[in-house]
Amino acid sequence: MSLAPLYAKAAVGSVGPRASTLPGTVLHRTVDVDRAHLADYARVCGFRLSDALPPTYPHVLAFALQVELMAGRSFPLPLPGLVHVTNTITVHRRVDAAERLEIAVHAERFAGHPKGAQVDLVAAVDVGGERVWDGRSTYLARGARAPGAAAEPPAAPPEVGDGPASAVWRVEADTGRRYAAVSGDVNPIHLHPLSAKAFGFPRAIAHGMWTAARSLAVLEGRLPEALTQVVAFGRPLLLPSTVELRTRATGDAWALDVRSRGGVHLTAAVAHAG
């Protein structure tokens, strides 16, 4: 499910005038889950093999529609250089791999940001007319402009603070390529040191949604079936690296962060979706 042709289209289309407002387009896709793909995703991200979809898995299924929408010239911000700054998912109930998923994606909240312009890509997953999953990804285009006043940047969950690590991971150099193979996200900053350097990074960096999924996988078995996860992405996670996950439980809610010597890469809050 490589999205390389769409990224190439976006790179070509990034030169020249663009629309000044968001398109009203809603893209749709019907998906029958490929269990082999689901298993590959679970292995890469650390989830157990199961017919129950990991909470972050529908994001991968919706991501192709996000890229298709952002790659078009009717989208006001060029896809190359967009930075994923926050992500929120809500799982309304357990979703089984045998269920047919109806996915819809649209863009909203195009607004100014202190560092440029931001936009939300919103995804919804239904099963037989029942909403089972929602996702919202906020992207930042540094140096870009949006009509109207700047909106408040999304609030980041607080860091857990000092204390012993709940888990320590060695994030290998090929992590970006492995996650790209299951997610379709072939942004060159994740694939190889040389292509990452072309965009100003000293080495390839991990996908933010891999880090979010890997963090959630550590809590598997201790989370409610209906949940909301709010994630803010921090400093890029250079590959390879050794990182620490810190967690704090409060009732049925969790706060967590992922950090290394390079700083805090992710903060997140996970709670029951009531």
C-alpha atoms as a PDB file:
ATOM      1  CA  MET A   1       0.000   0.000   0.000  1.00  0.00           C
ATOM      2  CA  SER A   2       2.854   2.360  -0.880  1.00  0.00           C
ATOM      3  CA  LEU A   3       1.824   5.968  -1.329  1.00  0.00           C
ATOM      4  CA  ALA A   4       4.978   6.826  -3.286  1.00  0.00           C
ATOM      5  CA  PRO A   5       3.040   7.928  -6.426  1.00  0.00           C
ATOM      6  CA  LEU A   6       0.983  10.371  -4.349  1.00  0.00           C
ATOM      7  CA  TYR A   7       4.092  11.771  -2.665  1.00  0.00           C
ATOM      8  CA  ALA A   8       5.669  12.213  -6.100  1.00  0.00           C
ATOM      9  CA  LYS A   9       2.530  13.981  -7.331  1.00  0.00           C
ATOM     10  CA  ALA A  10       2.602  16.230  -4.274  1.00  0.00           C
ATOM     11  CA  ALA A  11       6.274  17.098  -4.820  1.00  0.00           C
ATOM     12  CA  VAL A  12       5.595  18.117  -8.424  1.00  0.00           C
ATOM     13  CA  GLY A  13       2.495  20.054  -7.433  1.00  0.00           C
ATOM     14  CA  SER A  14       4.167  21.907  -4.562  1.00  0.00           C
ATOM     15  CA  VAL A  15       5.532  24.509  -7.001  1.00  0.00           C
ATOM     16  CA  GLY A  16       3.139  27.199  -8.146  1.00  0.00           C
ATOM     17  CA  PRO A  17      -0.100  28.759  -6.894  1.00  0.00           C
ATOM     18  CA  ARG A  18      -2.413  26.845  -4.600  1.00  0.00           C
ATOM     19  CA  ALA A  19      -5.954  27.259  -3.317  1.00  0.00           C
ATOM     20  CA  SER A  20      -6.460  29.693  -0.435  1.00  0.00           C
ATOM     21  CA  THR A  21      -9.222  27.700   1.268  1.00  0.00           C
ATOM     22  CA  LEU A  22      -9.814  24.075   2.116  1.00  0.00           C
ATOM     23  CA  PRO A  23     -11.606  21.883  -0.405  1.00  0.00           C
ATOM     24  CA  GLY A  24     -15.027  20.652   0.663  1.00  0.00           C
ATOM     25  CA  THR A  25     -14.101  17.180  -0.550  1.00  0.00           C
ATOM     26  CA  VAL A  26     -14.941  14.113   1.524  1.00  0.00           C
ATOM     27  CA  LEU A  27     -13.081  11.006   0.409  1.00  0.00           C
ATOM     28  CA  HIS A  28     -14.550   7.557   1.042  1.00  0.00           C
ATOM     29  CA  ARG A  29     -13.123   4.046   1.090  1.00  0.00           C
ATOM     30  CA  THR A  30     -14.580   0.675   2.019  1.00  0.00           C
ATOM     31  CA  VAL A  31     -12.066  -1.746   3.535  1.00  0.00           C
ATOM     32  CA  ASP A  32     -12.065  -5.443   4.278  1.00  0.00           C
ATOM     33  CA  VAL A  33      -9.179  -5.918   6.683  1.00  0.00           C
ATOM     34  CA  ASP A  34      -6.291  -7.980   5.338  1.00  0.00           C
ATOM     35  CA  ARG A  35      -5.318 -10.169   8.286  1.00  0.00           C
ATOM     36  CA  ALA A  36      -1.763 -10.648   6.978  1.00  0.00           C
ATOM     37  CA  HIS A  37      -1.337  -6.869   6.842  1.00  0.00           C
ATOM     38  CA  LEU A  38      -2.882  -6.534  10.302  1.00  0.00           C
ATOM     39  CA  ALA A  39      -0.405  -9.095  11.651  1.00  0.00           C
ATOM     40  CA  ASP A  40       2.528  -7.274  10.043  1.00  0.00           C
ATOM     41  CA  TYR A  41       1.371  -4.000  11.601  1.00  0.00           C
ATOM     42  CA  ALA A  42       1.019  -5.627  15.018  1.00  0.00           C
ATOM     43  CA  ARG A  43       4.553  -7.047  14.825  1.00  0.00           C
ATOM     44  CA  VAL A  44       6.112  -3.738  13.789  1.00  0.00           C
ATOM     45  CA  CYS A  45       4.325  -1.800  16.533  1.00  0.00           C
ATOM     46  CA  GLY A  46       4.489  -4.389  19.331  1.00  0.00           C
ATOM     47  CA  PHE A  47       0.822  -5.354  19.615  1.00  0.00           C
ATOM     48  CA  ARG A  48      -0.337  -8.900  20.247  1.00  0.00           C
ATOM     49  CA  LEU A  49      -1.642 -10.827  17.253  1.00  0.00           C
ATOM     50  CA  SER A  50      -5.424 -10.701  17.471  1.00  0.00           C
ATOM     51  CA  ASP A  51      -8.561 -10.205  15.380  1.00  0.00           C
ATOM     52  CA  ALA A  52      -9.289  -7.121  17.484  1.00  0.00           C
ATOM     53  CA  LEU A  53      -7.871  -4.083  15.689  1.00  0.00           C
ATOM     54  CA  PRO A  54      -5.243  -2.152  17.677  1.00  0.00           C
ATOM     55  CA  PRO A  55      -6.576   1.326  18.507  1.00  0.00           C
ATOM     56  CA  THR A  56      -4.116   2.986  16.122  1.00  0.00           C
ATOM     57  CA  TYR A  57      -4.622   0.598  13.194  1.00  0.00           C
ATOM     58  CA  PRO A  58      -7.592   2.429  11.589  1.00  0.00           C
ATOM     59  CA  HIS A  59      -5.333   5.491  11.263  1.00  0.00           C
ATOM     60  CA  VAL A  60      -3.178   3.498   8.824  1.00  0.00           C
ATOM     61  CA  LEU A  61      -6.269   2.549   6.805  1.00  0.00           C
ATOM     62  CA  ALA A  62      -7.411   6.181   6.671  1.00  0.00           C
ATOM     63  CA  PHE A  63      -3.959   7.643   6.020  1.00  0.00           C
ATOM     64  CA  ALA A  64      -4.025   6.867   2.292  1.00  0.00           C
ATOM     65  CA  LEU A  65      -7.125   9.064   1.960  1.00  0.00           C
ATOM     66  CA  GLN A  66      -5.427  11.810   3.967  1.00  0.00           C
ATOM     67  CA  VAL A  67      -2.462  11.801   1.599  1.00  0.00           C
ATOM     68  CA  GLU A  68      -4.723  11.712  -1.462  1.00  0.00           C
ATOM     69  CA  LEU A  69      -6.535  14.800  -0.187  1.00  0.00           C
ATOM     70  CA  MET A  70      -3.336  16.669   0.751  1.00  0.00           C
ATOM     71  CA  ALA A  71      -1.565  15.808  -2.521  1.00  0.00           C
ATOM     72  CA  GLY A  72      -4.109  17.673  -4.650  1.00  0.00           C
ATOM     73  CA  ARG A  73      -3.525  21.265  -5.779  1.00  0.00           C
ATOM     74  CA  SER A  74      -6.912  22.192  -4.308  1.00  0.00           C
ATOM     75  CA  PHE A  75      -5.364  21.641  -0.874  1.00  0.00           C
ATOM     76  CA  PRO A  76      -3.940  24.971   0.353  1.00  0.00           C
ATOM     77  CA  LEU A  77      -0.748  23.622   1.966  1.00  0.00           C
ATOM     78  CA  PRO A  78       1.961  21.641   0.142  1.00  0.00           C
ATOM     79  CA  LEU A  79       2.297  18.095   1.444  1.00  0.00           C
ATOM     80  CA  PRO A  80       6.131  18.086   1.433  1.00  0.00           C
ATOM     81  CA  GLY A  81       7.263  19.613   4.710  1.00  0.00           C
ATOM     82  CA  LEU A  82       4.002  19.177   6.641  1.00  0.00           C
ATOM     83  CA  VAL A  83       4.720  18.239  10.267  1.00  0.00           C
ATOM     84  CA  HIS A  84       2.339  16.024  12.250  1.00  0.00           C
ATOM     85  CA  VAL A  85       2.055  17.868  15.580  1.00  0.00           C
ATOM     86  CA  THR A  86      -0.875  16.245  17.390  1.00  0.00           C
ATOM     87  CA  ASN A  87      -3.142  13.244  16.965  1.00  0.00           C
ATOM     88  CA  THR A  88      -6.358  12.261  18.712  1.00  0.00           C
ATOM     89  CA  ILE A  89      -8.140   8.947  18.266  1.00  0.00           C
ATOM     90  CA  THR A  90     -11.320   7.679  19.866  1.00  0.00           C
ATOM     91  CA  VAL A  91     -12.237   4.004  19.777  1.00  0.00           C
ATOM     92  CA  HIS A  92     -15.974   3.742  20.492  1.00  0.00           C
ATOM     93  CA  ARG A  93     -15.972  -0.041  20.736  1.00  0.00           C
ATOM     94  CA  ARG A  94     -13.839  -3.073  19.922  1.00  0.00           C
ATOM     95  CA  VAL A  95     -13.511  -3.437  16.155  1.00  0.00           C
ATOM     96  CA  ASP A  96     -13.070  -6.930  14.729  1.00  0.00           C
ATOM     97  CA  ALA A  97     -11.003  -7.741  11.663  1.00  0.00           C
ATOM     98  CA  ALA A  98     -14.016  -9.524  10.128  1.00  0.00           C
ATOM     99  CA  GLU A  99     -16.054  -6.302   9.977  1.00  0.00           C
ATOM    100  CA  ARG A 100     -16.271  -4.239   6.786  1.00  0.00           C
ATOM    101  CA  LEU A 101     -15.067  -0.706   7.483  1.00  0.00           C
ATOM    102  CA  GLU A 102     -16.465   2.404   5.842  1.00  0.00           C
ATOM    103  CA  ILE A 103     -13.853   5.173   6.050  1.00  0.00           C
ATOM    104  CA  ALA A 104     -14.382   8.880   5.354  1.00  0.00           C
ATOM    105  CA  VAL A 105     -11.756  11.646   5.451  1.00  0.00           C
ATOM    106  CA  HIS A 106     -12.054  15.417   5.168  1.00  0.00           C
ATOM    107  CA  ALA A 107     -10.056  18.514   6.142  1.00  0.00           C
ATOM    108  CA  GLU A 108     -11.115  21.306   8.471  1.00  0.00           C
ATOM    109  CA  ARG A 109      -9.832  24.067  10.776  1.00  0.00           C
ATOM    110  CA  PHE A 110      -7.362  25.681   8.384  1.00  0.00           C
ATOM    111  CA  ALA A 111      -5.930  28.451  10.539  1.00  0.00           C
ATOM    112  CA  GLY A 112      -2.859  30.424  11.392  1.00  0.00           C
ATOM    113  CA  HIS A 113      -0.272  29.128  13.843  1.00  0.00           C
ATOM    114  CA  PRO A 114       2.543  31.021  15.615  1.00  0.00           C
ATOM    115  CA  LYS A 115       4.992  29.148  13.358  1.00  0.00           C
ATOM    116  CA  GLY A 116       2.957  29.077  10.150  1.00  0.00           C
ATOM    117  CA  ALA A 117      -0.408  27.504   9.335  1.00  0.00           C
ATOM    118  CA  GLN A 118      -2.169  24.408  10.639  1.00  0.00           C
ATOM    119  CA  VAL A 119      -4.911  22.134   9.377  1.00  0.00           C
ATOM    120  CA  ASP A 120      -6.798  19.111  10.701  1.00  0.00           C
ATOM    121  CA  LEU A 121      -7.362  15.917   8.724  1.00  0.00           C
ATOM    122  CA  VAL A 122     -10.409  14.193  10.183  1.00  0.00           C
ATOM    123  CA  ALA A 123     -11.165  10.502   9.717  1.00  0.00           C
ATOM    124  CA  ALA A 124     -14.250   8.513  10.660  1.00  0.00           C
ATOM    125  CA  VAL A 125     -14.784   4.757  10.533  1.00  0.00           C
ATOM    126  CA  ASP A 126     -18.276   3.253  10.497  1.00  0.00           C
ATOM    127  CA  VAL A 127     -19.499  -0.347  10.508  1.00  0.00           C
ATOM    128  CA  GLY A 128     -22.987  -0.765   9.107  1.00  0.00           C
ATOM    129  CA  GLY A 129     -23.804   2.862   9.854  1.00  0.00           C
ATOM    130  CA  GLU A 130     -22.423   2.713  13.408  1.00  0.00           C
ATOM    131  CA  ARG A 131     -19.518   5.004  14.283  1.00  0.00           C
ATOM    132  CA  VAL A 132     -16.739   2.854  15.758  1.00  0.00           C
ATOM    133  CA  TRP A 133     -13.629   5.037  15.461  1.00  0.00           C
ATOM    134  CA  ASP A 134     -12.699   8.708  15.035  1.00  0.00           C
ATOM    135  CA  GLY A 135      -9.329  10.289  14.339  1.00  0.00           C
ATOM    136  CA  ARG A 136      -8.016  13.831  14.069  1.00  0.00           C
ATOM    137  CA  SER A 137      -4.484  14.642  12.884  1.00  0.00           C
ATOM    138  CA  THR A 138      -3.222  18.221  13.126  1.00  0.00           C
ATOM    139  CA  TYR A 139      -0.478  19.184  10.670  1.00  0.00           C
ATOM    140  CA  LEU A 140       1.726  22.280  10.691  1.00  0.00           C
ATOM    141  CA  ALA A 141       3.200  23.979   7.625  1.00  0.00           C
ATOM    142  CA  ARG A 142       6.072  26.118   8.877  1.00  0.00           C
ATOM    143  CA  GLY A 143       6.195  29.593   7.338  1.00  0.00           C
ATOM    144  CA  ALA A 144       2.854  29.194   5.546  1.00  0.00           C
ATOM    145  CA  ARG A 145      -0.073  31.560   5.872  1.00  0.00           C
ATOM    146  CA  ALA A 146      -3.749  30.973   6.493  1.00  0.00           C
ATOM    147  CA  PRO A 147      -6.668  33.392   6.271  1.00  0.00           C
ATOM    148  CA  GLY A 148      -7.801  34.881   9.537  1.00  0.00           C
ATOM    149  CA  ALA A 149      -6.222  35.058  12.948  1.00  0.00           C
ATOM    150  CA  ALA A 150      -3.972  32.387  14.337  1.00  0.00           C
ATOM    151  CA  ALA A 151      -5.732  29.638  16.261  1.00  0.00           C
ATOM    152  CA  GLU A 152      -4.521  28.369  19.584  1.00  0.00           C
ATOM    153  CA  PRO A 153      -2.106  25.474  19.041  1.00  0.00           C
ATOM    154  CA  PRO A 154      -3.507  22.176  20.349  1.00  0.00           C
ATOM    155  CA  ALA A 155      -2.713  21.720  24.036  1.00  0.00           C
ATOM    156  CA  ALA A 156      -0.098  19.046  24.698  1.00  0.00           C
ATOM    157  CA  PRO A 157      -0.627  16.459  27.454  1.00  0.00           C
ATOM    158  CA  PRO A 158       1.765  17.060  30.365  1.00  0.00           C
ATOM    159  CA  GLU A 159       4.963  15.077  30.704  1.00  0.00           C
ATOM    160  CA  VAL A 160       4.945  12.282  33.262  1.00  0.00           C
ATOM    161  CA  GLY A 161       8.026  13.650  35.002  1.00  0.00           C
ATOM    162  CA  ASP A 162      10.989  11.934  36.578  1.00  0.00           C
ATOM    163  CA  GLY A 163      10.857   8.387  37.818  1.00  0.00           C
ATOM    164  CA  PRO A 164      11.748   4.884  36.717  1.00  0.00           C
ATOM    165  CA  ALA A 165      11.045   3.906  33.131  1.00  0.00           C
ATOM    166  CA  SER A 166       8.167   1.522  32.456  1.00  0.00           C
ATOM    167  CA  ALA A 167       9.964   0.221  29.369  1.00  0.00           C
ATOM    168  CA  VAL A 168      13.210   0.760  27.499  1.00  0.00           C
ATOM    169  CA  TRP A 169      13.368   0.154  23.720  1.00  0.00           C
ATOM    170  CA  ARG A 170      16.174  -0.007  21.245  1.00  0.00           C
ATOM    171  CA  VAL A 171      14.686   1.627  18.157  1.00  0.00           C
ATOM    172  CA  GLU A 172      16.658   0.161  15.284  1.00  0.00           C
ATOM    173  CA  ALA A 173      17.832   2.005  12.166  1.00  0.00           C
ATOM    174  CA  ASP A 174      15.343   0.180   9.904  1.00  0.00           C
ATOM    175  CA  THR A 175      12.285   1.090  12.005  1.00  0.00           C
ATOM    176  CA  GLY A 176      11.219   3.816   9.563  1.00  0.00           C
ATOM    177  CA  ARG A 177      11.409   1.465   6.596  1.00  0.00           C
ATOM    178  CA  ARG A 178       9.526  -1.291   8.445  1.00  0.00           C
ATOM    179  CA  TYR A 179       6.723   1.050   9.490  1.00  0.00           C
ATOM    180  CA  ALA A 180       6.606   2.575   5.993  1.00  0.00           C
ATOM    181  CA  ALA A 181       6.012  -0.912   4.595  1.00  0.00           C
ATOM    182  CA  VAL A 182       2.864  -1.389   6.712  1.00  0.00           C
ATOM    183  CA  SER A 183       1.597   2.196   6.755  1.00  0.00           C
ATOM    184  CA  GLY A 184       2.363   3.327   3.206  1.00  0.00           C
ATOM    185  CA  ASP A 185       3.994   6.472   4.634  1.00  0.00           C
ATOM    186  CA  VAL A 186       7.129   6.651   2.496  1.00  0.00           C
ATOM    187  CA  ASN A 187       8.113  10.184   3.422  1.00  0.00           C
ATOM    188  CA  PRO A 188      11.883  10.167   2.736  1.00  0.00           C
ATOM    189  CA  ILE A 189      12.739  11.612   6.168  1.00  0.00           C
ATOM    190  CA  HIS A 190      11.899   8.178   7.627  1.00  0.00           C
ATOM    191  CA  LEU A 191      13.627   5.896   5.150  1.00  0.00           C
ATOM    192  CA  HIS A 192      17.360   6.545   4.940  1.00  0.00           C
ATOM    193  CA  PRO A 193      19.988   8.873   6.452  1.00  0.00           C
ATOM    194  CA  LEU A 194      20.832  10.401   3.074  1.00  0.00           C
ATOM    195  CA  SER A 195      17.225  11.237   2.161  1.00  0.00           C
ATOM    196  CA  ALA A 196      16.630  12.553   5.696  1.00  0.00           C
ATOM    197  CA  LYS A 197      19.661  14.845   5.421  1.00  0.00           C
ATOM    198  CA  ALA A 198      18.136  16.408   2.323  1.00  0.00           C
ATOM    199  CA  PHE A 199      15.368  17.702   4.614  1.00  0.00           C
ATOM    200  CA  GLY A 200      17.723  18.899   7.355  1.00  0.00           C
ATOM    201  CA  PHE A 201      17.816  15.863   9.664  1.00  0.00           C
ATOM    202  CA  PRO A 202      21.152  14.285  10.676  1.00  0.00           C
ATOM    203  CA  ARG A 203      19.663  10.792  10.373  1.00  0.00           C
ATOM    204  CA  ALA A 204      16.347   9.206   9.475  1.00  0.00           C
ATOM    205  CA  ILE A 205      13.609   9.771  12.052  1.00  0.00           C
ATOM    206  CA  ALA A 206      10.872   7.476  13.329  1.00  0.00           C
ATOM    207  CA  HIS A 207       7.261   8.045  12.293  1.00  0.00           C
ATOM    208  CA  GLY A 208       5.349   9.787  15.049  1.00  0.00           C
ATOM    209  CA  MET A 209       2.450   7.359  14.696  1.00  0.00           C
ATOM    210  CA  TRP A 210       4.836   4.418  15.145  1.00  0.00           C
ATOM    211  CA  THR A 211       5.972   5.912  18.453  1.00  0.00           C
ATOM    212  CA  ALA A 212       2.334   6.510  19.462  1.00  0.00           C
ATOM    213  CA  ALA A 213       1.356   2.936  18.587  1.00  0.00           C
ATOM    214  CA  ARG A 214       4.412   1.402  20.261  1.00  0.00           C
ATOM    215  CA  SER A 215       3.615   3.315  23.456  1.00  0.00           C
ATOM    216  CA  LEU A 216       0.010   2.147  23.451  1.00  0.00           C
ATOM    217  CA  ALA A 217       1.069  -1.459  22.851  1.00  0.00           C
ATOM    218  CA  VAL A 218       2.914  -1.455  26.188  1.00  0.00           C
ATOM    219  CA  LEU A 219      -0.413  -0.809  27.946  1.00  0.00           C
ATOM    220  CA  GLU A 220      -2.266  -3.520  26.012  1.00  0.00           C
ATOM    221  CA  GLY A 221      -4.498  -5.538  28.336  1.00  0.00           C
ATOM    222  CA  ARG A 222      -4.789  -2.653  30.812  1.00  0.00           C
ATOM    223  CA  LEU A 223      -6.879  -0.328  28.655  1.00  0.00           C
ATOM    224  CA  PRO A 224     -10.660  -0.113  28.197  1.00  0.00           C
ATOM    225  CA  GLU A 225     -12.074  -1.201  24.850  1.00  0.00           C
ATOM    226  CA  ALA A 226     -13.555   2.284  24.372  1.00  0.00           C
ATOM    227  CA  LEU A 227     -10.788   4.857  24.753  1.00  0.00           C
ATOM    228  CA  THR A 228      -9.478   8.227  23.677  1.00  0.00           C
ATOM    229  CA  GLN A 229      -5.772   8.810  23.114  1.00  0.00           C
ATOM    230  CA  VAL A 230      -4.413  12.345  22.755  1.00  0.00           C
ATOM    231  CA  VAL A 231      -0.823  12.602  21.521  1.00  0.00           C
ATOM    232  CA  ALA A 232       1.517  15.543  21.051  1.00  0.00           C
ATOM    233  CA  PHE A 233       4.698  14.933  19.094  1.00  0.00           C
ATOM    234  CA  GLY A 234       7.888  16.549  20.355  1.00  0.00           C
ATOM    235  CA  ARG A 235      11.490  16.305  19.235  1.00  0.00           C
ATOM    236  CA  PRO A 236      12.213  14.031  16.254  1.00  0.00           C
ATOM    237  CA  LEU A 237      13.251  10.506  17.252  1.00  0.00           C
ATOM    238  CA  LEU A 238      16.501   9.860  15.383  1.00  0.00           C
ATOM    239  CA  LEU A 239      17.241   6.330  14.196  1.00  0.00           C
ATOM    240  CA  PRO A 240      18.769   4.340  15.734  1.00  0.00           C
ATOM    241  CA  SER A 241      18.141   5.392  19.356  1.00  0.00           C
ATOM    242  CA  THR A 242      17.409   3.998  22.788  1.00  0.00           C
ATOM    243  CA  VAL A 243      14.271   5.494  24.350  1.00  0.00           C
ATOM    244  CA  GLU A 244      12.457   5.250  27.660  1.00  0.00           C
ATOM    245  CA  LEU A 245       8.697   5.105  28.193  1.00  0.00           C
ATOM    246  CA  ARG A 246       7.372   6.570  31.412  1.00  0.00           C
ATOM    247  CA  THR A 247       3.762   6.024  32.485  1.00  0.00           C
ATOM    248  CA  ARG A 248       1.503   7.200  35.293  1.00  0.00           C
ATOM    249  CA  ALA A 249      -1.903   5.681  36.020  1.00  0.00           C
ATOM    250  CA  THR A 250      -4.744   7.662  37.596  1.00  0.00           C
ATOM    251  CA  GLY A 251      -7.859   5.539  37.944  1.00  0.00           C
ATOM    252  CA  ASP A 252      -8.567   4.156  34.466  1.00  0.00           C
ATOM    253  CA  ALA A 253      -6.569   6.956  32.770  1.00  0.00           C
ATOM    254  CA  TRP A 254      -2.896   6.991  31.806  1.00  0.00           C
ATOM    255  CA  ALA A 255      -0.329   9.682  31.148  1.00  0.00           C
ATOM    256  CA  LEU A 256       2.819   8.704  29.308  1.00  0.00           C
ATOM    257  CA  ASP A 257       5.834  10.125  27.548  1.00  0.00           C
ATOM    258  CA  VAL A 258       8.693   8.815  25.432  1.00  0.00           C
ATOM    259  CA  ARG A 259      12.120  10.356  25.855  1.00  0.00           C
ATOM    260  CA  SER A 260      15.795   9.861  25.166  1.00  0.00           C
ATOM    261  CA  ARG A 261      18.969  11.868  25.538  1.00  0.00           C
ATOM    262  CA  GLY A 262      17.636  13.898  22.621  1.00  0.00           C
ATOM    263  CA  GLY A 263      14.662  15.121  24.665  1.00  0.00           C
ATOM    264  CA  VAL A 264      10.953  14.283  24.882  1.00  0.00           C
ATOM    265  CA  HIS A 265       9.614  12.800  21.666  1.00  0.00           C
ATOM    266  CA  LEU A 266       5.967  12.262  22.625  1.00  0.00           C
ATOM    267  CA  THR A 267       3.522  13.003  25.400  1.00  0.00           C
ATOM    268  CA  ALA A 268       0.133  11.323  25.564  1.00  0.00           C
ATOM    269  CA  ALA A 269      -2.998  10.902  27.644  1.00  0.00           C
ATOM    270  CA  VAL A 270      -5.213   7.835  27.397  1.00  0.00           C
ATOM    271  CA  ALA A 271      -8.637   7.663  29.045  1.00  0.00           C
ATOM    272  CA  HIS A 272     -11.938   5.833  28.837  1.00  0.00           C
ATOM    273  CA  ALA A 273     -14.172   7.208  26.091  1.00  0.00           C
ATOM    274  CA  GLY A 274     -17.422   7.801  27.926  1.00  0.00           C
END
